[in-house]
């Protein structure tokens, strides 16, 4: 009886188990990150920092990066 198919199946199952273990670990890591971000969001909301404050900071950073980028383009 040829058992090569059984050996091939065994390898595929082992590979699938390994991949599932990796995915479960990644899922756990992502869940932890989500919980941390949710806590940070709740803290930010309770501290009174509004979304407009974040937008203002983002716009300032964007403008500075654009200015640096323009300066670099002139060098090229």
Protein backbone atom coordinates (compact mmCIF):
# COMPACT_ATOMS: atom_id res chain seq x y z
CA UNK A 1 0.00 0.00 0.00
CA UNK A 2 1.34 3.42 -1.01
CA UNK A 3 1.46 5.71 2.03
CA UNK A 4 2.99 8.71 0.29
CA UNK A 5 -0.41 10.41 0.21
CA UNK A 6 -0.66 9.93 3.96
CA UNK A 7 2.76 11.48 4.46
CA UNK A 8 1.82 14.41 2.23
CA UNK A 9 -1.43 14.88 4.13
CA UNK A 10 0.44 14.78 7.43
CA UNK A 11 2.81 17.51 6.24
CA UNK A 12 -0.09 19.67 5.11
CA UNK A 13 -1.89 19.25 8.42
CA UNK A 14 1.27 20.10 10.37
CA UNK A 15 1.75 23.19 8.22
CA UNK A 16 -1.86 24.23 8.80
CA UNK A 17 -1.48 23.75 12.57
CA UNK A 18 1.66 25.89 12.58
CA UNK A 19 -0.08 28.62 10.60
CA UNK A 20 -3.11 28.54 12.92
CA UNK A 21 -0.84 28.90 15.95
CA UNK A 22 0.79 31.96 14.36
CA UNK A 23 -2.60 33.46 13.55
CA UNK A 24 -3.87 32.90 17.09
CA UNK A 25 -0.78 34.58 18.49
CA UNK A 26 -1.21 37.53 16.12
CA UNK A 27 -4.89 37.76 17.07
CA UNK A 28 -3.94 37.91 20.74
CA UNK A 29 -1.40 40.62 20.03
CA UNK A 30 -3.92 42.63 18.02
CA UNK A 31 -6.54 42.30 20.75
CA UNK A 32 -4.04 43.61 23.28
CA UNK A 33 -3.21 46.57 21.03
CA UNK A 34 -6.89 47.32 20.52
CA UNK A 35 -7.49 47.35 24.27
CA UNK A 36 -4.52 49.69 24.77
CA UNK A 37 -5.77 52.04 22.07
CA UNK A 38 -9.28 51.99 23.52
CA UNK A 39 -7.86 52.94 26.93
CA UNK A 40 -5.80 55.71 25.37
CA UNK A 41 -8.84 56.99 23.52
CA UNK A 42 -10.91 56.97 26.69
CA UNK A 43 -8.13 58.81 28.53
CA UNK A 44 -7.86 61.37 25.74
CA UNK A 45 -11.61 61.93 25.79
CA UNK A 46 -11.66 62.31 29.56
CA UNK A 47 -8.70 64.68 29.55
CA UNK A 48 -10.65 67.07 27.34
CA UNK A 49 -8.33 66.99 24.32
CA UNK A 50 -10.69 67.40 21.42
CA UNK A 51 -10.37 66.10 17.91
CA UNK A 52 -9.71 69.61 16.67
CA UNK A 53 -6.60 69.70 18.83
CA UNK A 54 -5.33 66.58 17.12
CA UNK A 55 -6.22 68.00 13.72
CA UNK A 56 -4.34 71.19 14.48
CA UNK A 57 -1.25 69.21 15.50
CA UNK A 58 -1.54 67.06 12.38
CA UNK A 59 -1.83 70.12 10.12
CA UNK A 60 1.25 71.70 11.68
CA UNK A 61 3.24 68.52 11.18
CA UNK A 62 2.01 68.19 7.60
CA UNK A 63 3.07 71.75 6.79
CA UNK A 64 6.53 71.22 8.27
CA UNK A 65 7.00 67.97 6.34
CA UNK A 66 5.87 69.64 3.11
CA UNK A 67 8.36 72.45 3.70
CA UNK A 68 11.18 69.95 4.29
CA UNK A 69 10.13 67.97 1.22
CA UNK A 70 10.17 71.12 -0.93
CA UNK A 71 13.66 71.91 0.33
CA UNK A 72 14.86 68.42 -0.54
CA UNK A 73 13.33 68.64 -4.02
CA UNK A 74 15.31 71.83 -4.65
CA UNK A 75 18.51 69.94 -3.87
CA UNK A 76 17.70 67.36 -6.54
